PDB file of N, CA and C in Angstrom:
ATOM      1  N   MET A   1       0.650  -1.066  -0.251  1.00  0.00           N
ATOM      2  CA  MET A   1      -0.049   0.067   0.010  1.00  0.00           C
ATOM      3  C   MET A   1       0.945   1.235  -0.047  1.00  0.00           C
ATOM      4  N   THR A   2       0.171   2.041  -0.905  1.00  0.00           N
ATOM      5  CA  THR A   2       1.244   3.531  -1.007  1.00  0.00           C
ATOM      6  C   THR A   2       0.743   4.060   0.134  1.00  0.00           C
ATOM      7  N   ALA A   3       1.842   4.991   0.758  1.00  0.00           N
ATOM      8  CA  ALA A   3       1.934   5.618   2.227  1.00  0.00           C
ATOM      9  C   ALA A   3       1.944   7.117   2.071  1.00  0.00           C
ATOM     10  N   ILE A   4       1.001   7.994   2.345  1.00  0.00           N
ATOM     11  CA  ILE A   4       1.248   9.222   1.579  1.00  0.00           C
ATOM     12  C   ILE A   4       1.532  10.715   3.218  1.00  0.00           C
ATOM     13  N   LYS A   5       2.295  11.699   2.934  1.00  0.00           N
ATOM     14  CA  LYS A   5       2.350  12.251   3.803  1.00  0.00           C
ATOM     15  C   LYS A   5       1.431  13.192   4.765  1.00  0.00           C
ATOM     16  N   VAL A   6       1.206  13.868   5.518  1.00  0.00           N
ATOM     17  CA  VAL A   6       0.543  14.334   6.262  1.00  0.00           C
ATOM     18  C   VAL A   6       0.547  15.144   7.030  1.00  0.00           C
ATOM     19  N   SER A   7       0.064  16.398   7.245  1.00  0.00           N
ATOM     20  CA  SER A   7       0.332  17.353   8.424  1.00  0.00           C
ATOM     21  C   SER A   7      -0.367  18.071   9.197  1.00  0.00           C
ATOM     22  N   SER A   8      -0.981  18.109  10.273  1.00  0.00           N
ATOM     23  CA  SER A   8      -2.325  18.194  11.165  1.00  0.00           C
ATOM     24  C   SER A   8      -1.728  18.785  12.265  1.00  0.00           C
ATOM     25  N   LYS A   9      -2.440  19.218  13.337  1.00  0.00           N
ATOM     26  CA  LYS A   9      -2.182  19.763  14.522  1.00  0.00           C
ATOM     27  C   LYS A   9      -2.894  18.839  15.127  1.00  0.00           C
ATOM     28  N   VAL A  10      -1.963  18.054  16.111  1.00  0.00           N
ATOM     29  CA  VAL A  10      -2.663  17.619  17.223  1.00  0.00           C
ATOM     30  C   VAL A  10      -2.371  18.079  18.332  1.00  0.00           C
ATOM     31  N   GLU A  11      -3.356  17.777  19.596  1.00  0.00           N
ATOM     32  CA  GLU A  11      -2.891  18.157  21.030  1.00  0.00           C
ATOM     33  C   GLU A  11      -2.150  17.555  21.406  1.00  0.00           C
ATOM     34  N   GLU A  12      -1.539  18.289  22.032  1.00  0.00           N
ATOM     35  CA  GLU A  12       0.374  17.931  22.536  1.00  0.00           C
ATOM     36  C   GLU A  12       0.238  16.712  23.194  1.00  0.00           C
ATOM     37  N   LYS A  13      -0.979  16.435  24.644  1.00  0.00           N
ATOM     38  CA  LYS A  13      -1.421  15.519  25.283  1.00  0.00           C
ATOM     39  C   LYS A  13      -2.072  14.186  24.925  1.00  0.00           C
ATOM     40  N   VAL A  14      -2.508  14.634  23.430  1.00  0.00           N
ATOM     41  CA  VAL A  14      -2.756  13.586  22.971  1.00  0.00           C
ATOM     42  C   VAL A  14      -1.923  12.651  21.971  1.00  0.00           C
ATOM     43  N   TRP A  15      -0.699  13.845  21.210  1.00  0.00           N
ATOM     44  CA  TRP A  15       0.318  13.536  20.468  1.00  0.00           C
ATOM     45  C   TRP A  15       1.225  12.333  21.571  1.00  0.00           C
ATOM     46  N   ASN A  16       1.332  12.604  22.895  1.00  0.00           N
ATOM     47  CA  ASN A  16       2.478  12.372  24.209  1.00  0.00           C
ATOM     48  C   ASN A  16       1.921  10.564  24.024  1.00  0.00           C
ATOM     49  N   GLU A  17       0.311  10.419  24.235  1.00  0.00           N
ATOM     50  CA  GLU A  17      -0.131   9.518  24.375  1.00  0.00           C
ATOM     51  C   GLU A  17       0.062   8.663  23.640  1.00  0.00           C
ATOM     52  N   LEU A  18      -0.571   8.928  22.088  1.00  0.00           N
ATOM     53  CA  LEU A  18       0.267   7.932  20.726  1.00  0.00           C
ATOM     54  C   LEU A  18       1.698   8.116  21.199  1.00  0.00           C
ATOM     55  N   LYS A  19       2.562   8.187  20.931  1.00  0.00           N
ATOM     56  CA  LYS A  19       4.081   8.180  21.104  1.00  0.00           C
ATOM     57  C   LYS A  19       4.124   7.099  21.689  1.00  0.00           C
ATOM     58  N   ALA A  20       3.701   7.377  23.349  1.00  0.00           N
ATOM     59  CA  ALA A  20       3.845   6.015  24.229  1.00  0.00           C
ATOM     60  C   ALA A  20       3.494   5.063  24.302  1.00  0.00           C
ATOM     61  N   LEU A  21       1.715   4.774  23.315  1.00  0.00           N
ATOM     62  CA  LEU A  21       1.182   3.300  22.949  1.00  0.00           C
ATOM     63  C   LEU A  21       1.922   2.928  21.884  1.00  0.00           C
ATOM     64  N   ALA A  22       2.754   3.660  21.377  1.00  0.00           N
ATOM     65  CA  ALA A  22       3.676   3.337  19.927  1.00  0.00           C
ATOM     66  C   ALA A  22       4.935   2.329  20.801  1.00  0.00           C
ATOM     67  N   ARG A  23       4.954   2.993  21.486  1.00  0.00           N
ATOM     68  CA  ARG A  23       6.629   2.934  22.045  1.00  0.00           C
ATOM     69  C   ARG A  23       6.706   1.260  23.143  1.00  0.00           C
ATOM     70  N   GLU A  24       4.918   1.267  23.740  1.00  0.00           N
ATOM     71  CA  GLU A  24       4.400   0.361  24.582  1.00  0.00           C
ATOM     72  C   GLU A  24       4.446  -1.598  23.977  1.00  0.00           C
ATOM     73  N   SER A  25       3.886  -0.559  22.536  1.00  0.00           N
ATOM     74  CA  SER A  25       3.579  -2.166  21.377  1.00  0.00           C
ATOM     75  C   SER A  25       4.511  -2.124  20.693  1.00  0.00           C
ATOM     76  N   HIS A  26       5.645  -1.429  20.564  1.00  0.00           N
ATOM     77  CA  HIS A  26       7.194  -1.955  20.037  1.00  0.00           C
ATOM     78  C   HIS A  26       6.576  -1.586  18.247  1.00  0.00           C
ATOM     79  N   ARG A  27       6.074  -0.571  18.346  1.00  0.00           N
ATOM     80  CA  ARG A  27       6.019  -0.027  16.841  1.00  0.00           C
ATOM     81  C   ARG A  27       5.937   1.240  16.346  1.00  0.00           C
ATOM     82  N   ASN A  28       5.538   1.636  15.810  1.00  0.00           N
ATOM     83  CA  ASN A  28       5.808   2.970  15.504  1.00  0.00           C
ATOM     84  C   ASN A  28       4.863   4.344  15.269  1.00  0.00           C
ATOM     85  N   VAL A  29       4.947   5.327  14.960  1.00  0.00           N
ATOM     86  CA  VAL A  29       4.236   5.886  15.385  1.00  0.00           C
ATOM     87  C   VAL A  29       2.988   5.894  14.064  1.00  0.00           C
ATOM     88  N   SER A  30       3.900   6.226  12.907  1.00  0.00           N
ATOM     89  CA  SER A  30       3.400   5.867  11.483  1.00  0.00           C
ATOM     90  C   SER A  30       2.135   4.777  11.685  1.00  0.00           C
ATOM     91  N   GLY A  31       2.638   3.505  12.142  1.00  0.00           N
ATOM     92  CA  GLY A  31       1.952   2.223  11.526  1.00  0.00           C
ATOM     93  C   GLY A  31       1.039   2.793  13.205  1.00  0.00           C
ATOM     94  N   VAL A  32       0.779   3.397  14.146  1.00  0.00           N
ATOM     95  CA  VAL A  32      -0.587   3.418  15.379  1.00  0.00           C
ATOM     96  C   VAL A  32      -0.939   4.724  14.470  1.00  0.00           C
ATOM     97  N   LEU A  33      -1.099   5.322  14.085  1.00  0.00           N
ATOM     98  CA  LEU A  33      -1.668   6.677  13.522  1.00  0.00           C
ATOM     99  C   LEU A  33      -2.294   5.450  12.041  1.00  0.00           C
ATOM    100  N   THR A  34      -2.108   5.221  11.585  1.00  0.00           N
ATOM    101  CA  THR A  34      -2.831   4.609  10.677  1.00  0.00           C
ATOM    102  C   THR A  34      -4.029   3.470  10.694  1.00  0.00           C
ATOM    103  N   GLU A  35      -3.512   2.867  11.908  1.00  0.00           N
ATOM    104  CA  GLU A  35      -4.520   2.056  12.598  1.00  0.00           C
ATOM    105  C   GLU A  35      -5.723   2.961  12.893  1.00  0.00           C
ATOM    106  N   ALA A  36      -5.140   3.749  13.819  1.00  0.00           N
ATOM    107  CA  ALA A  36      -6.085   4.769  14.413  1.00  0.00           C
ATOM    108  C   ALA A  36      -7.306   5.112  13.762  1.00  0.00           C
ATOM    109  N   ILE A  37      -6.591   5.753  12.379  1.00  0.00           N
ATOM    110  CA  ILE A  37      -7.206   5.881  11.214  1.00  0.00           C
ATOM    111  C   ILE A  37      -8.643   5.799  11.023  1.00  0.00           C
ATOM    112  N   ALA A  38      -7.784   4.380  10.188  1.00  0.00           N
ATOM    113  CA  ALA A  38      -8.412   3.617   9.956  1.00  0.00           C
ATOM    114  C   ALA A  38      -9.977   2.842  10.656  1.00  0.00           C
ATOM    115  N   ASP A  39      -9.758   2.603  12.004  1.00  0.00           N
ATOM    116  CA  ASP A  39     -10.864   2.023  12.910  1.00  0.00           C
ATOM    117  C   ASP A  39     -11.944   3.605  12.853  1.00  0.00           C
ATOM    118  N   TYR A  40     -11.032   5.056  12.875  1.00  0.00           N
ATOM    119  CA  TYR A  40     -12.243   5.599  13.419  1.00  0.00           C
ATOM    120  C   TYR A  40     -13.028   5.822  11.903  1.00  0.00           C
ATOM    121  N   VAL A  41     -12.459   6.164  10.714  1.00  0.00           N
ATOM    122  CA  VAL A  41     -13.369   5.547   9.462  1.00  0.00           C
ATOM    123  C   VAL A  41     -14.338   4.819   9.469  1.00  0.00           C
ATOM    124  N   ARG A  42     -13.684   3.535   9.823  1.00  0.00           N
ATOM    125  CA  ARG A  42     -14.547   2.396   9.694  1.00  0.00           C
ATOM    126  C   ARG A  42     -15.761   2.666  10.974  1.00  0.00           C
ATOM    127  N   ARG A  43     -15.860   3.298  11.987  1.00  0.00           N
ATOM    128  CA  ARG A  43     -17.043   3.291  13.281  1.00  0.00           C
ATOM    129  C   ARG A  43     -17.744   4.713  12.368  1.00  0.00           C
ATOM    130  N   HIS A  44     -17.214   5.373  11.725  1.00  0.00           N
ATOM    131  CA  HIS A  44     -17.960   6.504  11.800  1.00  0.00           C
ATOM    132  C   HIS A  44     -18.805   6.910  10.233  1.00  0.00           C
ATOM    133  N   ARG A  45     -18.554   5.868   9.679  1.00  0.00           N
ATOM    134  CA  ARG A  45     -18.512   5.975   7.906  1.00  0.00           C
ATOM    135  C   ARG A  45     -19.778   5.340   7.898  1.00  0.00           C
ATOM    136  N   ILE A  46     -21.184   5.638   7.428  1.00  0.00           N
ATOM    137  CA  ILE A  46     -22.158   5.178   7.078  1.00  0.00           C
ATOM    138  C   ILE A  46     -22.307   4.385   5.727  1.00  0.00           C
ATOM    139  N   ARG A  47     -22.334   3.238   5.875  1.00  0.00           N
ATOM    140  CA  ARG A  47     -21.757   2.091   4.507  1.00  0.00           C
ATOM    141  C   ARG A  47     -22.973   2.587   3.682  1.00  0.00           C
ATOM    142  N   PRO A  48     -22.845   2.156   2.519  1.00  0.00           N
ATOM    143  CA  PRO A  48     -24.021   2.440   1.405  1.00  0.00           C
ATOM    144  C   PRO A  48     -24.923   1.389   1.931  1.00  0.00           C
ATOM    145  N   ASP A  49     -25.125  -0.083   1.826  1.00  0.00           N
ATOM    146  CA  ASP A  49     -25.678  -0.931   2.441  1.00  0.00           C
ATOM    147  C   ASP A  49     -27.023  -0.026   3.476  1.00  0.00           C
ATOM    148  N   VAL A  50     -26.270   0.111   4.285  1.00  0.00           N
ATOM    149  CA  VAL A  50     -27.056   0.280   5.510  1.00  0.00           C
ATOM    150  C   VAL A  50     -28.369   1.373   5.299  1.00  0.00           C
ATOM    151  N   LEU A  51     -27.712   2.225   4.161  1.00  0.00           N
ATOM    152  CA  LEU A  51     -28.744   3.183   4.098  1.00  0.00           C
ATOM    153  C   LEU A  51     -29.658   2.924   2.966  1.00  0.00           C
ATOM    154  N   ARG A  52     -28.972   1.993   1.902  1.00  0.00           N
ATOM    155  CA  ARG A  52     -30.076   1.194   1.186  1.00  0.00           C
ATOM    156  C   ARG A  52     -31.590   0.285   1.953  1.00  0.00           C
ATOM    157  N   HIS A  53     -30.848  -0.685   3.498  1.00  0.00           N
ATOM    158  CA  HIS A  53     -31.469  -0.904   3.867  1.00  0.00           C
ATOM    159  C   HIS A  53     -32.451  -0.340   4.617  1.00  0.00           C
ATOM    160  N   LEU A  54     -32.292   1.062   5.126  1.00  0.00           N
ATOM    161  CA  LEU A  54     -33.275   1.880   6.081  1.00  0.00           C
ATOM    162  C   LEU A  54     -33.726   2.133   4.843  1.00  0.00           C
ATOM    163  N   ASP A  55     -33.672   2.534   3.611  1.00  0.00           N
ATOM    164  CA  ASP A  55     -34.834   3.340   2.760  1.00  0.00           C
ATOM    165  C   ASP A  55     -35.503   2.675   2.243  1.00  0.00           C
ATOM    166  N   ASP A  56     -35.401   1.018   2.532  1.00  0.00           N
ATOM    167  CA  ASP A  56     -36.005   0.011   1.685  1.00  0.00           C
ATOM    168  C   ASP A  56     -37.031  -0.210   2.888  1.00  0.00           C
ATOM    169  N   SER A  57     -36.814  -0.201   4.633  1.00  0.00           N
ATOM    170  CA  SER A  57     -37.589  -0.410   4.899  1.00  0.00           C
ATOM    171  C   SER A  57     -38.566   0.870   5.494  1.00  0.00           C
ATOM    172  N   ILE A  58     -37.921   2.113   4.979  1.00  0.00           N
ATOM    173  CA  ILE A  58     -38.856   3.034   5.471  1.00  0.00           C
ATOM    174  C   ILE A  58     -40.014   2.928   3.946  1.00  0.00           C
ATOM    175  N   LYS A  59     -39.605   2.733   3.063  1.00  0.00           N
ATOM    176  CA  LYS A  59     -40.873   2.384   1.644  1.00  0.00           C
ATOM    177  C   LYS A  59     -41.628   1.362   2.354  1.00  0.00           C
ATOM    178  N   ASP A  60     -40.987  -0.081   2.923  1.00  0.00           N
ATOM    179  CA  ASP A  60     -42.545  -1.116   3.232  1.00  0.00           C
ATOM    180  C   ASP A  60     -42.834  -0.725   4.514  1.00  0.00           C
ATOM    181  N   ASN A  61     -42.340  -0.113   5.339  1.00  0.00           N
ATOM    182  CA  ASN A  61     -43.703   0.497   6.634  1.00  0.00           C
ATOM    183  C   ASN A  61     -43.943   2.135   6.180  1.00  0.00           C
ATOM    184  N   GLU A  62     -44.139   2.294   4.859  1.00  0.00           N
ATOM    185  CA  GLU A  62     -44.802   3.594   4.642  1.00  0.00           C
ATOM    186  C   GLU A  62     -45.837   4.073   5.751  1.00  0.00           C
ATOM    187  N   GLU A  63     -46.802   3.362   5.238  1.00  0.00           N
ATOM    188  CA  GLU A  63     -48.153   3.373   6.522  1.00  0.00           C
ATOM    189  C   GLU A  63     -48.139   3.371   7.762  1.00  0.00           C
ATOM    190  N   LEU A  64     -47.282   2.280   8.357  1.00  0.00           N
ATOM    191  CA  LEU A  64     -47.312   2.253   9.592  1.00  0.00           C
ATOM    192  C   LEU A  64     -46.575   4.051   9.977  1.00  0.00           C
ATOM    193  N   GLY A  65     -45.562   3.964   9.480  1.00  0.00           N
ATOM    194  CA  GLY A  65     -44.781   5.500   9.227  1.00  0.00           C
ATOM    195  C   GLY A  65     -45.633   6.870   9.611  1.00  0.00           C
ATOM    196  N   ARG A  66     -47.260   6.914   9.091  1.00  0.00           N
ATOM    197  CA  ARG A  66     -48.311   7.419   8.910  1.00  0.00           C
ATOM    198  C   ARG A  66     -48.753   7.216   9.974  1.00  0.00           C
ATOM    199  N   LEU A  67     -48.947   6.072  10.856  1.00  0.00           N
ATOM    200  CA  LEU A  67     -50.101   6.092  11.688  1.00  0.00           C
ATOM    201  C   LEU A  67     -49.120   6.330  12.859  1.00  0.00           C
ATOM    202  N   LEU A  68     -48.071   6.561  13.134  1.00  0.00           N
ATOM    203  CA  LEU A  68     -47.258   6.771  14.050  1.00  0.00           C
ATOM    204  C   LEU A  68     -47.169   8.047  14.158  1.00  0.00           C
ATOM    205  N   ALA A  69     -47.017   8.921  13.293  1.00  0.00           N
ATOM    206  CA  ALA A  69     -46.570  10.124  13.236  1.00  0.00           C
ATOM    207  C   ALA A  69     -48.223  11.168  13.496  1.00  0.00           C
ATOM    208  N   GLU A  70     -49.294  10.258  13.069  1.00  0.00           N
ATOM    209  CA  GLU A  70     -51.083  10.744  13.790  1.00  0.00           C
ATOM    210  C   GLU A  70     -51.066  10.987  15.446  1.00  0.00           C
TER     211      GLU A  70
END
């Protein structure tokens, strides 16, 4: 996988904790940071399949939605 260089600002305390975690786990900061970003994106992105299922559910239960809104 191709790596790119990024630049950003991070709170000093968080940066120090990240470096400590890298040291404790015998990894480099870049690897820990890459894993952290990947985990964050995975947890916060709504997958298209989920949105499709939600849309299908709303369509399938349109009458129930109207009844509940009354």
